[in-house]
Amino acid sequence: MRQKRLGDILIASGAITQQELDEALKHKKPGERIGETLISQGYITQQDVINSLQQQLGIDYIDLTKTQIDASMSRYIPKQLAQDNAIVPVRVSGGNLFLAMADPLNFMALEQAKTTSKLSIIPMIAKKEAVEHAINVLYGNVSATEAMAQMRAEAGFTADEVDAAEPGGNEAVEGPTIRLVNSIFNRALDENSSDIHIEPVGDHMDIRMRIDGRLHKTLEIPKDLIDPVISRIKVMARMNIVERRIPQDGRIDYKDRDGSPVNMRVNTLPTIYGEKIVVRILGRNQRMLTREGIGLVFDEDNEKLNRLLANTSGVIMLVGPTGSGKTSTMFTLLQELINEQINVVTLEDPVEYNIPGATQVQINEKVGLTFASGLRAILRQDPDIICVGEIRDGETAEIAMRAAITGHLVFTTIHTEDAVSAIDRLKDMGVEPYLISAGLRGIISQRLLRRVCGHCRTEYTPDARLLALPGINAYPGRKYYHGAGCDQCFHTGYRGRIGVFEILLMNDELRRCITGNVDKQTFREAAQRTARYTTMLQHADQLAEKGITTVEEICRTIMVTD
């Protein structure tokens, strides 16, 4: 096996030709392995490499998402060696260490693993993403387990220990409670989680993480270790660790493994079993704040947005439930407008993204800085563009509308089901119809749908009852796709999420409908007739038709009301 190179193996198996290999070698970057080059150039897939190695060398494939790796395996391969070479120990049998590898022809890694473990190495091939995930799980669980064992061994941890280090500091000098909490946070960041739920449930505490919109249990902490963990998080969030009877809010400035800052919003809630903590991870994917990154993939939507952003005054409202991506969309559009010639001021609770060139203000209701009072103050700061994080009351809504009428461009969000319902919500808050009609320029409503995994996407036939729902264009011969489940998506069939939108542009006909207090159905018909209004369900169905999401995901996420 040592004398064979991957290129020769792929040619022998018929996966590539000599010409394709020679062409790939011309584009190979320094330090890049030839398999990575061939995949990036589109000559082969990762599955082609797996099949060729199995066929030519007899190397077994292992599905790590179906494999439970015992925490004791971490003692054979150090974490840094595993991360540097994309290898993870799986099991030991008869003096042999079975090693899952993204590249089983990495002989340097094999030699290092043999020297470190003092065992014979039997390589097994696994997909790179699955190996990376297994490394995070194995060593993350080990760190948490070791920290819990040390906490019990010491059995004398104090309030001083939970405040002994900076968030995300050096594990070598941290106490066990700090290492345990940091391991939880690091695991959440590795999994690209949006929220961490830390909840007592009787005789233990569950750690659950929201990944792609769904909660997954990742760790269980014994009852006798709950109090120091909660105290540590409250200290990090600058909360009162003694007060356990009322909810508290706080904020943590954490550091990722690479030292980059991560902002976390923390909330505690007293329950019958003790305090539950939810940690919201904010603004970590700021590099994804582009139209394509948030899911604006239809030309029609982008054309409507261009028309909206051409306005120099008026209210642009983003609507949807909590967690639907409204803030990300708002700041994506805001970044397109910011330049040194305009004054942009934001009013947020909390500040989720750091926007260069904008003046960002954090709401503090304890000292009287509310959205309404803050908005009044902003209007005296000579703003060109105002961003109000959320409209929560009629006073804030009315001030925003009046600001728009007097020549300011205002971005804001509100919680409603769809674009048309946002107008009724403003009226319910007490805003006069003439103000809404004069100030409103457009409404963007959105949700987040899970994407079909690109590695296991396959054609299928959805349930006939779902296809009969209004809005699903079930024409004869249409093809439908879903994820069959694989080790790339951990057998969920989905990987990542995409936004789905409906954009309503105001015109004279719709303004007359607002002042005339017509019902929602009449307003919707006028919008479809005069403003090229396309519902969110229709846009979602187009995503399903392209194989980006599934009919089941559409029905789960978008409320069908027609």
Protein backbone atom coordinates (compact mmCIF):
# COMPACT_ATOMS: atom_id res chain seq x y z
CA MET A 1 0.00 0.00 0.00
CA ARG A 2 2.96 2.34 0.70
CA GLN A 3 4.14 2.29 -2.90
CA LYS A 4 0.77 3.22 -4.39
CA ARG A 5 -0.31 6.79 -4.96
CA LEU A 6 -3.89 7.98 -4.98
CA GLY A 7 -3.69 9.14 -8.58
CA ASP A 8 -2.58 5.69 -9.74
CA ILE A 9 -5.32 4.04 -7.68
CA LEU A 10 -8.01 6.31 -9.18
CA ILE A 11 -6.78 5.60 -12.70
CA ALA A 12 -6.69 1.86 -12.05
CA SER A 13 -10.26 1.92 -10.80
CA GLY A 14 -11.45 3.95 -13.80
CA ALA A 15 -12.49 6.97 -11.71
CA ILE A 16 -10.24 9.33 -13.72
CA THR A 17 -8.00 9.27 -16.78
CA GLN A 18 -4.26 10.01 -16.97
CA GLN A 19 -5.10 13.23 -18.83
CA GLU A 20 -7.43 14.38 -16.02
CA LEU A 21 -4.76 13.58 -13.44
CA ASP A 22 -2.12 15.55 -15.36
CA GLU A 23 -4.52 18.50 -15.68
CA ALA A 24 -5.30 18.41 -11.96
CA LEU A 25 -1.59 18.35 -11.09
CA LYS A 26 -1.17 21.63 -12.98
CA HIS A 27 -3.73 23.28 -10.68
CA LYS A 28 -2.55 21.64 -7.47
CA LYS A 29 -1.83 24.23 -4.76
CA PRO A 30 1.22 23.95 -2.49
CA GLY A 31 0.47 21.69 0.47
CA GLU A 32 -2.79 20.44 -1.07
CA ARG A 33 -3.26 16.70 -1.46
CA ILE A 34 -4.06 15.46 -4.95
CA GLY A 35 -7.41 14.04 -3.85
CA GLU A 36 -8.52 17.48 -2.65
CA THR A 37 -7.43 19.00 -5.96
CA LEU A 38 -9.31 16.42 -8.03
CA ILE A 39 -12.47 16.98 -5.97
CA SER A 40 -12.23 20.78 -6.10
CA GLN A 41 -11.69 20.65 -9.88
CA GLY A 42 -14.79 18.48 -10.29
CA TYR A 43 -13.06 15.40 -11.72
CA ILE A 44 -14.23 13.12 -8.91
CA THR A 45 -16.34 13.13 -5.77
CA GLN A 46 -15.37 12.06 -2.28
CA GLN A 47 -17.46 8.93 -2.82
CA ASP A 48 -15.34 8.07 -5.91
CA VAL A 49 -12.21 8.15 -3.73
CA ILE A 50 -13.85 5.89 -1.15
CA ASN A 51 -14.99 3.41 -3.77
CA SER A 52 -11.54 3.30 -5.42
CA LEU A 53 -9.68 2.74 -2.14
CA GLN A 54 -12.09 0.00 -1.15
CA GLN A 55 -11.78 -1.65 -4.53
CA GLN A 56 -8.03 -1.35 -5.06
CA LEU A 57 -6.64 -1.61 -1.51
CA GLY A 58 -9.37 -3.35 0.45
CA ILE A 59 -9.65 -0.47 2.95
CA ASP A 60 -12.95 -0.64 4.81
CA TYR A 61 -15.35 2.29 4.84
CA ILE A 62 -16.84 3.37 8.18
CA ASP A 63 -19.98 5.47 8.66
CA LEU A 64 -19.02 7.50 11.72
CA THR A 65 -22.54 8.85 12.23
CA LYS A 66 -23.64 5.30 13.05
CA THR A 67 -20.61 4.56 15.20
CA GLN A 68 -20.47 5.19 18.95
CA ILE A 69 -16.86 5.97 19.89
CA ASP A 70 -15.97 5.36 23.52
CA ALA A 71 -14.42 8.34 25.29
CA SER A 72 -11.43 6.18 26.30
CA MET A 73 -10.25 6.20 22.66
CA SER A 74 -8.98 9.74 23.13
CA ARG A 75 -5.97 8.49 25.11
CA TYR A 76 -4.51 6.78 22.04
CA ILE A 77 -4.49 9.81 19.73
CA PRO A 78 -3.95 13.38 21.04
CA LYS A 79 -6.55 15.90 19.98
CA GLN A 80 -4.09 18.07 18.07
CA LEU A 81 -2.82 15.10 16.05
CA ALA A 82 -6.40 14.12 15.24
CA GLN A 83 -7.32 17.65 14.10
CA ASP A 84 -4.14 18.22 12.07
CA ASN A 85 -4.56 14.99 10.08
CA ALA A 86 -8.35 14.45 10.06
CA ILE A 87 -8.09 11.12 11.90
CA VAL A 88 -10.11 9.71 14.78
CA PRO A 89 -9.57 6.52 16.80
CA VAL A 90 -12.55 4.17 16.64
CA ARG A 91 -11.73 1.03 18.62
CA VAL A 92 -8.90 -1.23 19.80
CA SER A 93 -8.90 -4.96 19.14
CA GLY A 94 -6.07 -7.49 19.54
CA GLY A 95 -3.29 -4.91 19.68
CA ASN A 96 -4.67 -3.06 16.66
CA LEU A 97 -6.04 0.49 16.66
CA PHE A 98 -8.75 1.02 14.06
CA LEU A 99 -8.31 4.56 12.78
CA ALA A 100 -10.93 6.41 10.72
CA MET A 101 -9.18 8.71 8.23
CA ALA A 102 -10.27 11.18 5.60
CA ASP A 103 -7.08 10.22 3.71
CA PRO A 104 -5.87 6.68 4.53
CA LEU A 105 -2.87 7.22 2.23
CA ASN A 106 -1.49 9.89 4.56
CA PHE A 107 1.45 7.73 5.65
CA MET A 108 2.95 10.46 7.84
CA ALA A 109 -0.25 10.48 9.92
CA LEU A 110 -0.22 6.67 10.08
CA GLU A 111 3.35 6.65 11.42
CA GLN A 112 2.59 9.36 13.97
CA ALA A 113 -0.51 7.49 15.14
CA LYS A 114 1.51 4.26 15.47
CA THR A 115 4.26 5.97 17.48
CA THR A 116 1.80 7.78 19.77
CA SER A 117 -0.56 4.87 20.41
CA LYS A 118 2.15 2.15 20.47
CA LEU A 119 -0.31 -0.06 18.58
CA SER A 120 -0.53 -1.39 15.04
CA ILE A 121 -2.74 0.85 12.91
CA ILE A 122 -5.56 -0.42 10.71
CA PRO A 123 -6.78 2.50 8.56
CA MET A 124 -10.43 2.90 7.65
CA ILE A 125 -11.77 5.50 5.27
CA ALA A 126 -14.48 7.97 6.27
CA LYS A 127 -15.79 11.18 4.77
CA LYS A 128 -13.88 14.26 5.89
CA GLU A 129 -16.90 16.08 7.34
CA ALA A 130 -17.85 13.00 9.35
CA VAL A 131 -14.29 12.69 10.72
CA GLU A 132 -14.24 16.35 11.74
CA HIS A 133 -17.59 15.99 13.48
CA ALA A 134 -16.46 12.81 15.26
CA ILE A 135 -13.34 14.62 16.50
CA ASN A 136 -15.44 17.44 17.92
CA VAL A 137 -17.80 15.01 19.63
CA LEU A 138 -15.11 12.66 21.00
CA TYR A 139 -12.72 15.25 22.39
CA GLY A 140 -15.51 17.61 23.41
CA ASN A 141 -17.17 14.86 25.43
CA VAL A 142 -13.80 13.85 26.89
CA SER A 143 -13.12 17.41 28.02
CA ALA A 144 -16.57 17.61 29.62
CA THR A 145 -16.27 14.17 31.23
CA GLU A 146 -12.82 14.88 32.63
CA ALA A 147 -13.97 18.23 33.98
CA MET A 148 -16.98 16.63 35.70
CA ALA A 149 -14.79 13.90 37.20
CA GLN A 150 -12.36 16.49 38.56
CA MET A 151 -15.22 18.58 39.96
CA ARG A 152 -16.45 15.55 41.90
CA ALA A 153 -12.94 14.60 43.00
CA GLU A 154 -12.25 18.04 44.37
CA ALA A 155 -15.77 18.32 45.83
CA GLY A 156 -14.77 21.66 47.19
CA PHE A 157 -15.32 24.06 44.34
CA THR A 158 -16.22 27.55 45.45
CA ALA A 159 -17.59 30.77 43.99
CA ASP A 160 -13.96 31.89 43.56
CA GLU A 161 -13.27 28.99 41.19
CA VAL A 162 -16.16 29.74 38.84
CA ASP A 163 -14.83 33.29 38.40
CA ALA A 164 -11.19 32.29 38.04
CA ALA A 165 -10.60 32.72 34.32
CA GLU A 166 -11.58 34.67 31.26
CA PRO A 167 -14.26 33.20 28.93
CA GLY A 168 -12.56 30.93 26.38
CA GLY A 169 -9.19 31.16 28.13
CA ASN A 170 -6.31 28.68 28.45
CA GLU A 171 -7.66 25.27 29.47
CA ALA A 172 -4.33 24.33 31.05
CA VAL A 173 -4.80 26.88 33.85
CA GLU A 174 -8.59 26.69 34.21
CA GLY A 175 -10.56 24.97 36.92
CA PRO A 176 -12.80 22.00 36.07
CA THR A 177 -16.05 24.02 36.14
CA ILE A 178 -14.61 26.52 33.69
CA ARG A 179 -13.35 23.75 31.40
CA LEU A 180 -16.76 22.08 31.45
CA VAL A 181 -18.62 25.26 30.52
CA ASN A 182 -16.06 26.13 27.84
CA SER A 183 -16.36 22.62 26.38
CA ILE A 184 -20.14 23.12 26.09
CA PHE A 185 -19.70 26.47 24.36
CA ASN A 186 -16.96 25.18 22.05
CA ARG A 187 -19.08 22.19 21.05
CA ALA A 188 -21.96 24.55 20.19
CA LEU A 189 -19.65 26.66 18.03
CA ASP A 190 -18.22 23.57 16.30
CA GLU A 191 -21.74 22.38 15.51
CA ASN A 192 -22.73 25.84 14.21
CA SER A 193 -25.51 25.92 16.79
CA SER A 194 -27.72 29.01 17.18
CA ASP A 195 -28.85 28.33 20.78
CA ILE A 196 -27.73 26.32 23.80
CA HIS A 197 -30.40 25.05 26.22
CA ILE A 198 -29.11 24.21 29.71
CA GLU A 199 -32.09 22.76 31.56
CA PRO A 200 -32.52 20.89 34.87
CA VAL A 201 -34.97 18.00 34.48
CA GLY A 202 -35.02 16.38 37.92
CA ASP A 203 -32.03 14.20 38.79
CA HIS A 204 -29.75 15.71 36.12
CA MET A 205 -29.32 18.57 33.67
CA ASP A 206 -29.64 18.23 29.89
CA ILE A 207 -27.55 20.21 27.42
CA ARG A 208 -29.38 20.63 24.11
CA MET A 209 -28.25 22.59 21.06
CA ARG A 210 -30.35 24.03 18.25
CA ILE A 211 -28.79 23.02 14.94
CA ASP A 212 -30.54 23.93 11.67
CA GLY A 213 -33.60 24.89 13.69
CA ARG A 214 -33.91 21.59 15.60
CA LEU A 215 -32.82 20.82 19.18
CA HIS A 216 -30.37 17.93 19.74
CA LYS A 217 -29.33 16.58 23.13
CA THR A 218 -25.53 16.55 23.39
CA LEU A 219 -24.65 16.10 27.07
CA GLU A 220 -26.08 15.13 30.45
CA ILE A 221 -24.73 16.65 33.67
CA PRO A 222 -25.34 14.95 37.07
CA LYS A 223 -27.48 16.76 39.61
CA ASP A 224 -24.66 17.43 42.07
CA LEU A 225 -22.75 19.43 39.45
CA ILE A 226 -25.63 21.64 38.30
CA ASP A 227 -25.15 24.56 40.70
CA PRO A 228 -21.48 25.31 39.87
CA VAL A 229 -22.19 25.13 36.14
CA ILE A 230 -25.10 27.57 36.40
CA SER A 231 -23.07 29.85 38.68
CA ARG A 232 -20.16 29.87 36.23
CA ILE A 233 -22.39 30.89 33.31
CA LYS A 234 -24.06 33.60 35.40
CA VAL A 235 -20.66 34.98 36.39
CA MET A 236 -19.59 35.05 32.73
CA ALA A 237 -22.82 36.88 31.86
CA ARG A 238 -22.34 39.34 34.77
CA MET A 239 -25.55 38.23 36.48
CA ASN A 240 -26.39 38.04 40.18
CA ILE A 241 -25.41 34.46 41.08
CA VAL A 242 -27.34 34.61 44.37
CA GLU A 243 -30.67 35.61 42.83
CA ARG A 244 -32.53 32.50 41.64
CA ARG A 245 -36.16 33.56 42.01
CA ILE A 246 -36.55 35.87 39.01
CA PRO A 247 -35.43 35.75 35.36
CA GLN A 248 -32.21 37.53 34.48
CA ASP A 249 -30.61 38.69 31.22
CA GLY A 250 -26.91 38.96 30.48
CA ARG A 251 -24.28 38.93 27.78
CA ILE A 252 -21.04 36.97 27.32
CA ASP A 253 -18.10 38.07 25.18
CA TYR A 254 -16.55 34.71 24.34
CA LYS A 255 -13.58 33.71 22.20
CA ASP A 256 -13.73 30.95 19.61
CA ARG A 257 -10.95 28.36 19.34
CA ASP A 258 -9.14 30.57 16.83
CA GLY A 259 -9.44 33.61 19.11
CA SER A 260 -12.20 35.35 17.15
CA PRO A 261 -14.83 37.09 19.33
CA VAL A 262 -18.29 35.57 19.72
CA ASN A 263 -21.19 37.41 21.33
CA MET A 264 -23.68 35.41 23.39
CA ARG A 265 -27.00 36.56 24.88
CA VAL A 266 -27.96 34.73 28.10
CA ASN A 267 -31.34 34.39 29.80
CA THR A 268 -32.20 32.53 33.00
CA LEU A 269 -35.66 31.29 33.98
CA PRO A 270 -36.65 29.75 37.35
CA THR A 271 -38.34 26.34 36.94
CA ILE A 272 -39.61 23.72 39.37
CA TYR A 273 -36.26 21.90 39.08
CA GLY A 274 -34.02 24.96 39.23
CA GLU A 275 -32.83 27.64 36.83
CA LYS A 276 -32.90 26.99 33.10
CA ILE A 277 -30.43 28.92 30.95
CA VAL A 278 -30.72 29.61 27.23
CA VAL A 279 -27.68 31.02 25.44
CA ARG A 280 -28.24 32.64 22.03
CA ILE A 281 -25.10 32.77 19.86
CA LEU A 282 -25.14 36.06 17.96
CA GLY A 283 -23.60 37.34 14.77
CA ARG A 284 -21.14 34.49 14.21
CA ASN A 285 -21.91 34.04 10.50
CA GLN A 286 -21.56 37.69 9.56
CA ARG A 287 -19.54 36.75 6.46
CA MET A 288 -22.73 35.13 5.12
CA LEU A 289 -24.57 38.47 5.09
CA THR A 290 -25.01 38.65 1.33
CA ARG A 291 -28.18 38.32 -0.69
CA GLU A 292 -27.16 34.93 -1.99
CA GLY A 293 -25.95 33.87 1.47
CA ILE A 294 -29.35 34.51 3.09
CA GLY A 295 -31.28 32.88 0.24
CA LEU A 296 -32.38 35.68 -2.10
CA VAL A 297 -31.97 33.54 -5.21
CA PHE A 298 -34.89 34.64 -7.40
CA ASP A 299 -34.43 37.49 -9.89
CA GLU A 300 -37.92 38.77 -9.18
CA ASP A 301 -37.15 39.17 -5.47
CA ASN A 302 -33.86 40.96 -6.13
CA GLU A 303 -35.54 43.31 -8.57
CA LYS A 304 -38.14 44.23 -5.93
CA LEU A 305 -35.41 44.77 -3.33
CA ASN A 306 -33.49 47.04 -5.69
CA ARG A 307 -36.63 49.15 -6.08
CA LEU A 308 -37.11 49.24 -2.30
CA LEU A 309 -33.53 50.28 -1.59
CA ALA A 310 -33.74 53.05 -4.19
CA ASN A 311 -36.03 54.95 -1.79
CA THR A 312 -34.43 57.66 0.36
CA SER A 313 -37.33 57.75 2.82
CA GLY A 314 -40.07 55.50 4.13
CA VAL A 315 -40.35 52.41 6.30
CA ILE A 316 -39.06 49.04 5.08
CA MET A 317 -40.48 46.42 7.42
CA LEU A 318 -39.22 42.84 7.88
CA VAL A 319 -41.70 40.42 9.42
CA GLY A 320 -41.74 36.83 10.62
CA PRO A 321 -41.61 34.77 13.83
CA THR A 322 -38.62 34.59 16.17
CA GLY A 323 -35.65 32.84 14.55
CA SER A 324 -36.78 33.41 10.97
CA GLY A 325 -33.68 35.41 9.99
CA LYS A 326 -35.22 38.91 9.96
CA THR A 327 -32.21 40.58 11.59
CA SER A 328 -29.77 38.92 9.18
CA THR A 329 -31.78 40.11 6.19
CA MET A 330 -32.08 43.64 7.61
CA PHE A 331 -28.33 43.99 8.08
CA THR A 332 -27.60 42.41 4.71
CA LEU A 333 -29.61 45.18 3.06
CA LEU A 334 -28.21 47.82 5.42
CA GLN A 335 -24.63 46.93 4.49
CA GLU A 336 -25.42 47.65 0.83
CA LEU A 337 -26.39 51.23 1.69
CA ILE A 338 -23.68 52.21 4.16
CA ASN A 339 -21.02 54.61 2.95
CA GLU A 340 -19.12 57.54 4.42
CA GLN A 341 -21.60 60.05 2.95
CA ILE A 342 -24.59 58.93 5.00
CA ASN A 343 -25.28 58.68 8.74
CA VAL A 344 -26.67 55.30 9.80
CA VAL A 345 -27.90 54.81 13.38
CA THR A 346 -29.27 51.52 14.75
CA LEU A 347 -31.31 50.85 17.88
CA GLU A 348 -31.11 47.19 18.92
CA ASP A 349 -31.87 44.77 21.74
CA PRO A 350 -29.39 43.13 21.67
CA VAL A 351 -26.74 44.28 19.18
CA GLU A 352 -26.31 41.12 17.09
CA TYR A 353 -23.90 42.22 14.33
CA ASN A 354 -21.11 44.76 14.40
CA ILE A 355 -21.67 46.93 11.31
CA PRO A 356 -18.67 49.10 10.32
CA GLY A 357 -19.78 52.62 9.48
CA ALA A 358 -22.97 52.51 11.58
CA THR A 359 -23.64 54.01 15.01
CA GLN A 360 -25.15 51.16 17.02
CA VAL A 361 -27.14 51.74 20.22
CA GLN A 362 -28.02 49.03 22.78
CA ILE A 363 -31.48 49.25 24.42
CA ASN A 364 -31.35 49.48 28.22
CA GLU A 365 -34.86 49.60 29.65
CA LYS A 366 -33.54 49.64 33.24
CA VAL A 367 -32.31 53.21 32.76
CA GLY A 368 -35.18 54.28 30.52
CA LEU A 369 -33.53 53.75 27.12
CA THR A 370 -36.44 52.08 25.31
CA PHE A 371 -37.09 51.80 21.59
CA ALA A 372 -39.45 54.80 21.77
CA SER A 373 -37.12 57.08 23.79
CA GLY A 374 -34.08 55.94 21.82
CA LEU A 375 -35.82 56.62 18.51
CA ARG A 376 -36.66 60.15 19.63
CA ALA A 377 -33.01 60.71 20.54
CA ILE A 378 -31.80 59.30 17.22
CA LEU A 379 -33.95 61.77 15.30
CA ARG A 380 -31.84 64.56 16.86
CA GLN A 381 -28.63 62.88 15.58
CA ASP A 382 -29.15 63.96 11.94
CA PRO A 383 -29.66 60.40 10.62
CA ASP A 384 -30.12 59.44 7.00
CA ILE A 385 -30.98 55.81 7.74
CA ILE A 386 -32.48 54.53 10.98
CA CYS A 387 -32.59 50.87 11.95
CA VAL A 388 -35.05 49.97 14.73
CA GLY A 389 -34.41 46.39 15.86
CA GLU A 390 -38.05 45.67 16.68
CA ILE A 391 -41.36 47.50 16.93
CA ARG A 392 -42.94 46.38 20.19
CA ASP A 393 -45.54 49.07 20.85
CA GLY A 394 -47.71 51.65 19.14
CA GLU A 395 -45.59 54.58 20.31
CA THR A 396 -42.45 53.23 18.61
CA ALA A 397 -44.44 52.37 15.47
CA GLU A 398 -45.93 55.86 15.24
CA ILE A 399 -42.57 57.59 15.75
CA ALA A 400 -41.05 55.38 13.02
CA MET A 401 -43.83 56.25 10.57
CA ARG A 402 -43.52 59.98 11.30
CA ALA A 403 -39.74 59.75 10.87
CA ALA A 404 -40.29 58.15 7.47
CA ILE A 405 -42.71 60.90 6.43
CA THR A 406 -40.16 63.57 7.37
CA GLY A 407 -37.52 62.15 5.03
CA HIS A 408 -35.73 59.29 6.81
CA LEU A 409 -35.29 55.73 5.57
CA VAL A 410 -36.30 53.40 8.39
CA PHE A 411 -35.61 49.66 8.64
CA THR A 412 -37.48 47.73 11.32
CA THR A 413 -38.90 44.31 12.22
CA ILE A 414 -42.20 43.11 13.64
CA HIS A 415 -43.59 39.69 14.57
CA THR A 416 -46.43 38.65 12.21
CA GLU A 417 -47.24 35.63 10.06
CA ASP A 418 -47.02 37.29 6.64
CA ALA A 419 -46.58 40.61 4.87
CA VAL A 420 -50.27 41.49 4.71
CA SER A 421 -50.79 40.75 8.42
CA ALA A 422 -48.11 43.34 9.31
CA ILE A 423 -50.49 46.15 8.31
CA ASP A 424 -53.24 44.82 10.59
CA ARG A 425 -50.66 44.50 13.38
CA LEU A 426 -49.74 48.18 13.05
CA LYS A 427 -53.40 49.13 13.18
CA ASP A 428 -53.91 46.97 16.28
CA MET A 429 -51.05 48.90 17.91
CA GLY A 430 -53.02 52.09 17.39
CA VAL A 431 -51.16 53.56 14.41
CA GLU A 432 -53.53 55.63 12.25
CA PRO A 433 -54.14 54.20 8.76
CA TYR A 434 -53.11 57.47 7.10
CA LEU A 435 -49.69 57.27 8.79
CA ILE A 436 -49.19 53.68 7.65
CA SER A 437 -50.26 54.57 4.13
CA ALA A 438 -47.94 57.57 3.95
CA GLY A 439 -44.89 56.05 5.64
CA LEU A 440 -44.75 52.41 4.53
CA ARG A 441 -42.65 51.62 1.42
CA GLY A 442 -42.51 47.85 1.51
CA ILE A 443 -42.75 44.69 3.61
CA ILE A 444 -40.47 41.66 3.49
CA SER A 445 -41.80 38.50 5.13
CA GLN A 446 -39.58 35.45 5.55
CA ARG A 447 -38.96 32.00 7.03
CA LEU A 448 -36.01 29.61 7.11
CA LEU A 449 -36.32 26.23 5.38
CA ARG A 450 -33.89 23.36 5.79
CA ARG A 451 -31.93 22.52 2.65
CA VAL A 452 -31.92 19.04 1.15
CA CYS A 453 -28.53 17.43 1.69
CA GLY A 454 -26.65 17.64 -1.60
CA HIS A 455 -24.80 14.36 -0.97
CA CYS A 456 -27.85 12.12 -0.57
CA ARG A 457 -30.47 13.99 -2.60
CA THR A 458 -32.70 11.56 -4.40
CA GLU A 459 -36.00 11.58 -6.24
CA TYR A 460 -39.07 10.49 -4.28
CA THR A 461 -42.86 10.76 -4.18
CA PRO A 462 -44.31 12.93 -1.37
CA ASP A 463 -47.51 12.09 0.50
CA ALA A 464 -50.53 12.74 -1.76
CA ARG A 465 -52.22 14.72 1.02
CA LEU A 466 -49.36 17.23 1.04
CA LEU A 467 -49.45 17.64 -2.73
CA ALA A 468 -53.16 18.47 -2.49
CA LEU A 469 -52.50 21.53 -0.32
CA PRO A 470 -53.09 24.96 -1.91
CA GLY A 471 -49.88 26.51 -3.20
CA ILE A 472 -48.19 23.23 -4.16
CA ASN A 473 -48.03 23.13 -7.95
CA ALA A 474 -48.39 19.37 -8.42
CA TYR A 475 -48.44 19.30 -12.21
CA PRO A 476 -48.15 15.95 -14.03
CA GLY A 477 -44.60 14.72 -14.45
CA ARG A 478 -43.11 16.99 -11.79
CA LYS A 479 -40.11 15.55 -9.93
CA TYR A 480 -39.66 15.85 -6.17
CA TYR A 481 -36.47 15.45 -4.16
CA HIS A 482 -35.50 14.75 -0.57
CA GLY A 483 -32.44 13.61 1.35
CA ALA A 484 -32.26 9.86 1.86
CA GLY A 485 -29.89 10.34 4.81
CA CYS A 486 -26.12 9.93 4.83
CA ASP A 487 -23.08 10.54 6.99
CA GLN A 488 -22.70 14.03 5.50
CA CYS A 489 -26.03 15.18 6.98
CA PHE A 490 -25.99 12.71 9.89
CA HIS A 491 -28.99 10.91 8.40
CA THR A 492 -31.43 13.80 8.71
CA GLY A 493 -31.70 14.35 4.95
CA TYR A 494 -31.06 18.07 5.48
CA ARG A 495 -27.96 20.21 5.73
CA GLY A 496 -28.07 23.97 6.28
CA ARG A 497 -30.97 26.37 5.82
CA ILE A 498 -32.16 28.87 3.23
CA GLY A 499 -34.48 31.86 3.49
CA VAL A 500 -37.80 31.98 1.67
CA PHE A 501 -39.39 35.39 1.15
CA GLU A 502 -42.45 37.31 0.08
CA ILE A 503 -41.90 40.96 -0.81
CA LEU A 504 -44.75 43.46 -0.93
CA LEU A 505 -44.12 46.85 -2.59
CA MET A 506 -46.59 49.60 -1.79
CA ASN A 507 -48.41 51.49 -4.56
CA ASP A 508 -51.34 53.92 -4.78
CA GLU A 509 -53.94 51.13 -4.96
CA LEU A 510 -52.61 49.44 -1.82
CA ARG A 511 -52.45 52.76 0.03
CA ARG A 512 -56.13 53.30 -0.74
CA CYS A 513 -56.81 49.80 0.62
CA ILE A 514 -55.02 50.70 3.88
CA THR A 515 -56.92 53.93 4.42
CA GLY A 516 -60.15 52.21 3.36
CA ASN A 517 -59.65 49.44 5.98
CA VAL A 518 -60.36 46.62 3.52
CA ASP A 519 -60.11 43.01 4.72
CA LYS A 520 -56.95 40.92 4.25
CA GLN A 521 -58.28 38.90 1.35
CA THR A 522 -59.27 42.01 -0.63
CA PHE A 523 -55.87 43.56 0.12
CA ARG A 524 -54.07 40.40 -0.99
CA GLU A 525 -56.02 40.28 -4.26
CA ALA A 526 -55.18 43.95 -4.92
CA ALA A 527 -51.49 43.23 -4.23
CA GLN A 528 -51.45 40.28 -6.64
CA ARG A 529 -53.23 42.33 -9.27
CA THR A 530 -51.23 45.57 -9.04
CA ALA A 531 -47.91 44.86 -7.28
CA ARG A 532 -46.78 41.46 -8.66
CA TYR A 533 -47.20 40.05 -5.16
CA THR A 534 -46.06 36.42 -4.87
CA THR A 535 -46.80 34.55 -1.66
CA MET A 536 -44.14 32.89 0.43
CA LEU A 537 -45.72 29.51 -0.20
CA GLN A 538 -45.39 29.99 -3.95
CA HIS A 539 -41.72 30.92 -3.57
CA ALA A 540 -41.12 27.94 -1.28
CA ASP A 541 -42.70 25.65 -3.85
CA GLN A 542 -40.23 26.98 -6.44
CA LEU A 543 -37.39 26.01 -4.08
CA ALA A 544 -38.86 22.51 -3.78
CA GLU A 545 -39.14 22.31 -7.58
CA LYS A 546 -35.41 23.09 -7.83
CA GLY A 547 -34.66 20.33 -5.31
CA ILE A 548 -33.42 22.81 -2.67
CA THR A 549 -36.00 21.85 -0.03
CA THR A 550 -38.86 19.38 0.41
CA VAL A 551 -42.64 19.57 0.38
CA GLU A 552 -42.64 18.23 3.96
CA GLU A 553 -40.34 21.04 5.11
CA ILE A 554 -42.57 23.64 3.45
CA CYS A 555 -45.66 22.29 5.20
CA ARG A 556 -43.82 22.11 8.54
CA THR A 557 -42.50 25.64 8.39
CA ILE A 558 -45.00 27.74 6.48
CA MET A 559 -48.52 27.98 7.80
CA VAL A 560 -50.99 27.28 5.01
CA THR A 561 -53.94 29.61 5.58
CA ASP A 562 -55.53 29.86 2.15
